[in-house]
Amino acid sequence: MDESHLLAVVNARHLVDDLQTIRRGWESKITARRNSAVHRVADLLIKHPVINAQLVSDQLHIAIGNVYRYLDPLVEARIIVELTDQGRNRAWRSPEVLSALDAFTERAGRRALFA
């Protein structure tokens, strides 16, 4: 394995560590019961740091009408912030996860899509 491959593996492991640390940190911020779907939404944020109600409904098999009751505690805990400022087509982002992904790409060096 050449040096670039090793650096890529180290960088990927660093990202995994960062994401695991972020997720563990959320446990102290989430006040919902341990078996609440709020925790499942938090897990989803690690894979999808930008979400909307439809994505949460589709991925976690939660009725669309119930999704907001699981998003609200995450907003209150400042785990997610709303991207949109409207009643319809709302979307939220996880600043911590997005920052970890940005750090990952910075460490890797940004690549142009087309050379």
N, C-alpha and C. Protein backbone atom coordinates (compact mmCIF):
# COMPACT_ATOMS: atom_id res chain seq x y z
N MET A 1 0.85 -1.17 0.00
CA MET A 1 0.00 0.00 0.00
C MET A 1 0.90 1.23 0.00
N ASP A 2 0.66 2.14 -0.91
CA ASP A 2 1.51 3.33 -0.95
C ASP A 2 1.03 4.37 0.07
N GLU A 3 1.81 5.42 0.21
CA GLU A 3 1.56 6.43 1.23
C GLU A 3 0.19 7.10 1.07
N SER A 4 -0.22 7.37 -0.16
CA SER A 4 -1.51 8.03 -0.36
C SER A 4 -2.67 7.16 0.12
N HIS A 5 -2.54 5.85 -0.06
CA HIS A 5 -3.58 4.94 0.43
C HIS A 5 -3.61 4.92 1.95
N LEU A 6 -2.44 4.90 2.56
CA LEU A 6 -2.38 4.92 4.02
C LEU A 6 -2.96 6.20 4.59
N LEU A 7 -2.65 7.32 3.96
CA LEU A 7 -3.20 8.60 4.41
C LEU A 7 -4.72 8.63 4.27
N ALA A 8 -5.22 8.03 3.21
CA ALA A 8 -6.67 7.97 3.01
C ALA A 8 -7.33 7.14 4.11
N VAL A 9 -6.72 6.04 4.48
CA VAL A 9 -7.26 5.19 5.54
C VAL A 9 -7.23 5.93 6.88
N VAL A 10 -6.12 6.58 7.17
CA VAL A 10 -6.01 7.35 8.41
C VAL A 10 -7.07 8.45 8.45
N ASN A 11 -7.25 9.14 7.34
CA ASN A 11 -8.25 10.20 7.27
C ASN A 11 -9.66 9.65 7.46
N ALA A 12 -9.94 8.52 6.85
CA ALA A 12 -11.27 7.91 7.00
C ALA A 12 -11.51 7.48 8.44
N ARG A 13 -10.50 6.92 9.07
CA ARG A 13 -10.64 6.53 10.48
C ARG A 13 -10.87 7.75 11.37
N HIS A 14 -10.18 8.83 11.03
CA HIS A 14 -10.37 10.08 11.78
C HIS A 14 -11.82 10.56 11.65
N LEU A 15 -12.37 10.48 10.45
CA LEU A 15 -13.76 10.86 10.24
C LEU A 15 -14.70 9.98 11.06
N VAL A 16 -14.48 8.69 11.04
CA VAL A 16 -15.32 7.78 11.82
C VAL A 16 -15.24 8.13 13.30
N ASP A 17 -14.03 8.38 13.80
CA ASP A 17 -13.88 8.77 15.21
C ASP A 17 -14.62 10.07 15.50
N ASP A 18 -14.50 11.04 14.61
CA ASP A 18 -15.20 12.32 14.80
C ASP A 18 -16.71 12.11 14.86
N LEU A 19 -17.24 11.32 13.94
CA LEU A 19 -18.68 11.09 13.90
C LEU A 19 -19.17 10.32 15.13
N GLN A 20 -18.39 9.35 15.58
CA GLN A 20 -18.77 8.61 16.79
C GLN A 20 -18.75 9.52 18.02
N THR A 21 -17.77 10.41 18.09
CA THR A 21 -17.68 11.36 19.20
C THR A 21 -18.87 12.31 19.19
N ILE A 22 -19.22 12.79 18.01
CA ILE A 22 -20.38 13.68 17.88
C ILE A 22 -21.64 12.96 18.36
N ARG A 23 -21.84 11.75 17.89
CA ARG A 23 -23.07 11.01 18.24
C ARG A 23 -23.13 10.73 19.73
N ARG A 24 -22.01 10.35 20.33
CA ARG A 24 -21.99 10.11 21.78
C ARG A 24 -22.30 11.40 22.54
N GLY A 25 -21.79 12.51 22.06
CA GLY A 25 -22.04 13.79 22.70
C GLY A 25 -23.50 14.19 22.69
N TRP A 26 -24.21 13.77 21.69
CA TRP A 26 -25.64 14.09 21.61
C TRP A 26 -26.45 13.40 22.70
N GLU A 27 -25.97 12.27 23.19
CA GLU A 27 -26.72 11.52 24.19
C GLU A 27 -27.03 12.38 25.42
N SER A 28 -26.08 13.22 25.82
CA SER A 28 -26.31 14.06 27.00
C SER A 28 -27.23 15.23 26.69
N LYS A 29 -27.43 15.53 25.42
CA LYS A 29 -28.29 16.65 25.02
C LYS A 29 -29.72 16.22 24.75
N ILE A 30 -29.91 14.96 24.41
CA ILE A 30 -31.25 14.46 24.08
C ILE A 30 -31.96 14.06 25.37
N THR A 31 -33.09 14.68 25.62
CA THR A 31 -33.83 14.41 26.86
C THR A 31 -34.93 13.37 26.68
N ALA A 32 -35.15 12.92 25.47
CA ALA A 32 -36.20 11.93 25.21
C ALA A 32 -35.82 10.57 25.79
N ARG A 33 -36.83 9.75 26.03
CA ARG A 33 -36.59 8.39 26.51
C ARG A 33 -35.65 7.65 25.55
N ARG A 34 -34.92 6.71 26.07
CA ARG A 34 -33.94 5.97 25.28
C ARG A 34 -34.59 5.23 24.11
N ASN A 35 -35.82 4.79 24.27
CA ASN A 35 -36.48 4.05 23.19
C ASN A 35 -37.26 4.96 22.25
N SER A 36 -37.15 6.26 22.42
CA SER A 36 -37.85 7.21 21.54
C SER A 36 -37.21 7.22 20.16
N ALA A 37 -38.02 7.48 19.16
CA ALA A 37 -37.51 7.58 17.79
C ALA A 37 -36.58 8.78 17.61
N VAL A 38 -36.54 9.69 18.58
CA VAL A 38 -35.60 10.81 18.51
C VAL A 38 -34.18 10.28 18.35
N HIS A 39 -33.85 9.22 19.05
CA HIS A 39 -32.51 8.63 18.96
C HIS A 39 -32.26 8.03 17.58
N ARG A 40 -33.28 7.46 16.99
CA ARG A 40 -33.13 6.92 15.63
C ARG A 40 -32.90 8.04 14.62
N VAL A 41 -33.57 9.18 14.82
CA VAL A 41 -33.34 10.33 13.95
C VAL A 41 -31.91 10.83 14.13
N ALA A 42 -31.44 10.87 15.37
CA ALA A 42 -30.05 11.29 15.62
C ALA A 42 -29.07 10.36 14.90
N ASP A 43 -29.33 9.06 14.94
CA ASP A 43 -28.47 8.11 14.22
C ASP A 43 -28.50 8.40 12.71
N LEU A 44 -29.68 8.70 12.21
CA LEU A 44 -29.83 9.00 10.78
C LEU A 44 -29.01 10.22 10.37
N LEU A 45 -28.89 11.20 11.27
CA LEU A 45 -28.15 12.42 10.96
C LEU A 45 -26.68 12.15 10.66
N ILE A 46 -26.14 11.08 11.20
CA ILE A 46 -24.75 10.75 10.92
C ILE A 46 -24.59 10.37 9.45
N LYS A 47 -25.58 9.72 8.88
CA LYS A 47 -25.54 9.33 7.46
C LYS A 47 -26.09 10.41 6.55
N HIS A 48 -27.05 11.16 7.06
CA HIS A 48 -27.73 12.20 6.27
C HIS A 48 -27.75 13.48 7.10
N PRO A 49 -26.70 14.29 7.04
CA PRO A 49 -26.65 15.48 7.89
C PRO A 49 -27.59 16.61 7.48
N VAL A 50 -28.23 16.47 6.34
CA VAL A 50 -29.27 17.40 5.91
C VAL A 50 -30.52 16.56 5.66
N ILE A 51 -31.59 16.91 6.38
CA ILE A 51 -32.80 16.09 6.32
C ILE A 51 -34.04 16.95 6.11
N ASN A 52 -35.09 16.28 5.68
CA ASN A 52 -36.42 16.88 5.69
C ASN A 52 -37.38 15.81 6.23
N ALA A 53 -38.61 16.20 6.45
CA ALA A 53 -39.57 15.28 7.05
C ALA A 53 -39.78 14.03 6.19
N GLN A 54 -39.80 14.20 4.89
CA GLN A 54 -40.02 13.06 4.00
C GLN A 54 -38.88 12.05 4.10
N LEU A 55 -37.65 12.53 4.14
CA LEU A 55 -36.49 11.63 4.27
C LEU A 55 -36.58 10.85 5.58
N VAL A 56 -36.87 11.54 6.67
CA VAL A 56 -36.99 10.87 7.96
C VAL A 56 -38.10 9.83 7.91
N SER A 57 -39.23 10.20 7.35
CA SER A 57 -40.35 9.28 7.23
C SER A 57 -39.97 8.04 6.41
N ASP A 58 -39.35 8.27 5.27
CA ASP A 58 -38.97 7.16 4.38
C ASP A 58 -37.91 6.26 5.00
N GLN A 59 -36.89 6.85 5.59
CA GLN A 59 -35.77 6.07 6.11
C GLN A 59 -36.11 5.31 7.39
N LEU A 60 -36.94 5.93 8.24
CA LEU A 60 -37.21 5.34 9.55
C LEU A 60 -38.61 4.76 9.66
N HIS A 61 -39.36 4.82 8.56
CA HIS A 61 -40.72 4.26 8.54
C HIS A 61 -41.59 4.85 9.65
N ILE A 62 -41.53 6.18 9.73
CA ILE A 62 -42.34 6.94 10.67
C ILE A 62 -43.38 7.69 9.85
N ALA A 63 -44.61 7.68 10.31
CA ALA A 63 -45.66 8.42 9.61
C ALA A 63 -45.26 9.89 9.50
N ILE A 64 -45.44 10.45 8.33
CA ILE A 64 -45.02 11.83 8.08
C ILE A 64 -45.60 12.80 9.11
N GLY A 65 -46.80 12.55 9.56
CA GLY A 65 -47.42 13.43 10.55
C GLY A 65 -46.77 13.37 11.92
N ASN A 66 -46.00 12.32 12.18
CA ASN A 66 -45.34 12.17 13.48
C ASN A 66 -43.88 12.63 13.48
N VAL A 67 -43.34 12.90 12.33
CA VAL A 67 -41.91 13.21 12.22
C VAL A 67 -41.53 14.42 13.06
N TYR A 68 -42.33 15.45 13.03
CA TYR A 68 -41.96 16.70 13.69
C TYR A 68 -41.80 16.55 15.20
N ARG A 69 -42.56 15.64 15.80
CA ARG A 69 -42.42 15.43 17.24
C ARG A 69 -41.05 14.85 17.59
N TYR A 70 -40.40 14.24 16.61
CA TYR A 70 -39.06 13.69 16.84
C TYR A 70 -37.97 14.67 16.42
N LEU A 71 -38.30 15.60 15.57
CA LEU A 71 -37.33 16.63 15.17
C LEU A 71 -37.24 17.75 16.20
N ASP A 72 -38.36 18.11 16.79
CA ASP A 72 -38.39 19.24 17.73
C ASP A 72 -37.39 19.11 18.88
N PRO A 73 -37.26 17.94 19.53
CA PRO A 73 -36.26 17.83 20.60
C PRO A 73 -34.83 18.02 20.10
N LEU A 74 -34.57 17.65 18.85
CA LEU A 74 -33.23 17.84 18.29
C LEU A 74 -32.96 19.31 17.99
N VAL A 75 -34.00 20.03 17.61
CA VAL A 75 -33.86 21.48 17.42
C VAL A 75 -33.62 22.14 18.77
N GLU A 76 -34.40 21.76 19.77
CA GLU A 76 -34.26 22.34 21.11
C GLU A 76 -32.88 22.08 21.69
N ALA A 77 -32.31 20.92 21.39
CA ALA A 77 -30.97 20.57 21.88
C ALA A 77 -29.87 21.17 21.02
N ARG A 78 -30.25 21.85 19.96
CA ARG A 78 -29.32 22.48 19.01
C ARG A 78 -28.45 21.45 18.29
N ILE A 79 -28.99 20.28 18.10
CA ILE A 79 -28.32 19.24 17.33
C ILE A 79 -28.57 19.48 15.85
N ILE A 80 -29.77 19.98 15.54
CA ILE A 80 -30.08 20.37 14.16
C ILE A 80 -30.59 21.81 14.16
N VAL A 81 -30.38 22.47 13.05
CA VAL A 81 -30.92 23.82 12.85
C VAL A 81 -31.67 23.83 11.52
N GLU A 82 -32.71 24.63 11.49
CA GLU A 82 -33.52 24.68 10.27
C GLU A 82 -32.80 25.47 9.19
N LEU A 83 -32.81 24.92 7.99
CA LEU A 83 -32.22 25.59 6.82
C LEU A 83 -33.20 26.55 6.19
N THR A 84 -34.45 26.20 6.27
CA THR A 84 -35.49 26.96 5.59
C THR A 84 -36.20 27.84 6.60
N ASP A 85 -36.88 28.82 6.10
CA ASP A 85 -37.63 29.72 6.98
C ASP A 85 -39.06 29.80 6.46
N GLN A 86 -39.65 28.63 6.34
CA GLN A 86 -41.00 28.58 5.79
C GLN A 86 -41.76 27.42 6.41
N GLY A 87 -43.03 27.44 6.32
CA GLY A 87 -43.85 26.39 6.91
C GLY A 87 -43.84 25.10 6.12
N ARG A 88 -43.64 25.20 4.82
CA ARG A 88 -43.65 24.01 3.96
C ARG A 88 -42.24 23.73 3.46
N ASN A 89 -42.02 22.48 3.11
CA ASN A 89 -40.73 22.06 2.56
C ASN A 89 -39.57 22.43 3.47
N ARG A 90 -39.77 22.23 4.76
CA ARG A 90 -38.73 22.55 5.73
C ARG A 90 -37.59 21.54 5.64
N ALA A 91 -36.40 22.01 5.96
CA ALA A 91 -35.21 21.16 5.99
C ALA A 91 -34.34 21.59 7.15
N TRP A 92 -33.58 20.63 7.67
CA TRP A 92 -32.69 20.87 8.81
C TRP A 92 -31.31 20.33 8.48
N ARG A 93 -30.31 20.86 9.18
CA ARG A 93 -28.94 20.38 9.00
C ARG A 93 -28.30 20.17 10.37
N SER A 94 -27.33 19.30 10.40
CA SER A 94 -26.54 19.08 11.60
C SER A 94 -25.20 19.77 11.42
N PRO A 95 -25.01 20.93 12.03
CA PRO A 95 -23.75 21.66 11.85
C PRO A 95 -22.52 20.85 12.26
N GLU A 96 -22.63 20.06 13.33
CA GLU A 96 -21.49 19.29 13.79
C GLU A 96 -21.07 18.24 12.77
N VAL A 97 -22.02 17.53 12.22
CA VAL A 97 -21.69 16.50 11.23
C VAL A 97 -21.13 17.14 9.96
N LEU A 98 -21.74 18.22 9.53
CA LEU A 98 -21.24 18.90 8.33
C LEU A 98 -19.83 19.45 8.55
N SER A 99 -19.54 19.93 9.74
CA SER A 99 -18.18 20.40 10.04
C SER A 99 -17.18 19.25 10.00
N ALA A 100 -17.57 18.09 10.52
CA ALA A 100 -16.69 16.92 10.48
C ALA A 100 -16.43 16.50 9.03
N LEU A 101 -17.45 16.55 8.20
CA LEU A 101 -17.27 16.20 6.79
C LEU A 101 -16.39 17.23 6.07
N ASP A 102 -16.57 18.51 6.40
CA ASP A 102 -15.71 19.54 5.83
C ASP A 102 -14.25 19.33 6.23
N ALA A 103 -14.02 19.00 7.50
CA ALA A 103 -12.66 18.75 7.97
C ALA A 103 -12.05 17.56 7.25
N PHE A 104 -12.86 16.53 7.03
CA PHE A 104 -12.41 15.35 6.29
C PHE A 104 -11.94 15.74 4.89
N THR A 105 -12.75 16.53 4.19
CA THR A 105 -12.37 16.91 2.82
C THR A 105 -11.17 17.83 2.81
N GLU A 106 -11.04 18.68 3.83
CA GLU A 106 -9.85 19.54 3.91
C GLU A 106 -8.60 18.71 4.12
N ARG A 107 -8.68 17.72 5.02
CA ARG A 107 -7.52 16.86 5.25
C ARG A 107 -7.16 16.08 3.99
N ALA A 108 -8.18 15.66 3.25
CA ALA A 108 -7.94 14.87 2.03
C ALA A 108 -7.45 15.75 0.89
N GLY A 109 -7.75 17.02 0.97
CA GLY A 109 -7.43 17.91 -0.14
C GLY A 109 -8.58 17.88 -1.12
N ARG A 110 -9.17 19.01 -1.35
CA ARG A 110 -10.32 19.06 -2.28
C ARG A 110 -9.86 18.71 -3.68
N ARG A 111 -10.69 17.96 -4.35
CA ARG A 111 -10.40 17.55 -5.72
C ARG A 111 -11.39 18.23 -6.66
N ALA A 112 -10.92 18.58 -7.81
CA ALA A 112 -11.82 19.13 -8.82
C ALA A 112 -12.66 17.99 -9.40
N LEU A 113 -13.91 18.27 -9.72
CA LEU A 113 -14.75 17.23 -10.31
C LEU A 113 -14.28 16.85 -11.71
N PHE A 114 -13.80 17.84 -12.43
CA PHE A 114 -13.33 17.59 -13.79
C PHE A 114 -11.91 18.12 -13.91
N ALA A 115 -11.03 17.27 -14.35
CA ALA A 115 -9.62 17.69 -14.47
C ALA A 115 -9.36 18.27 -15.83
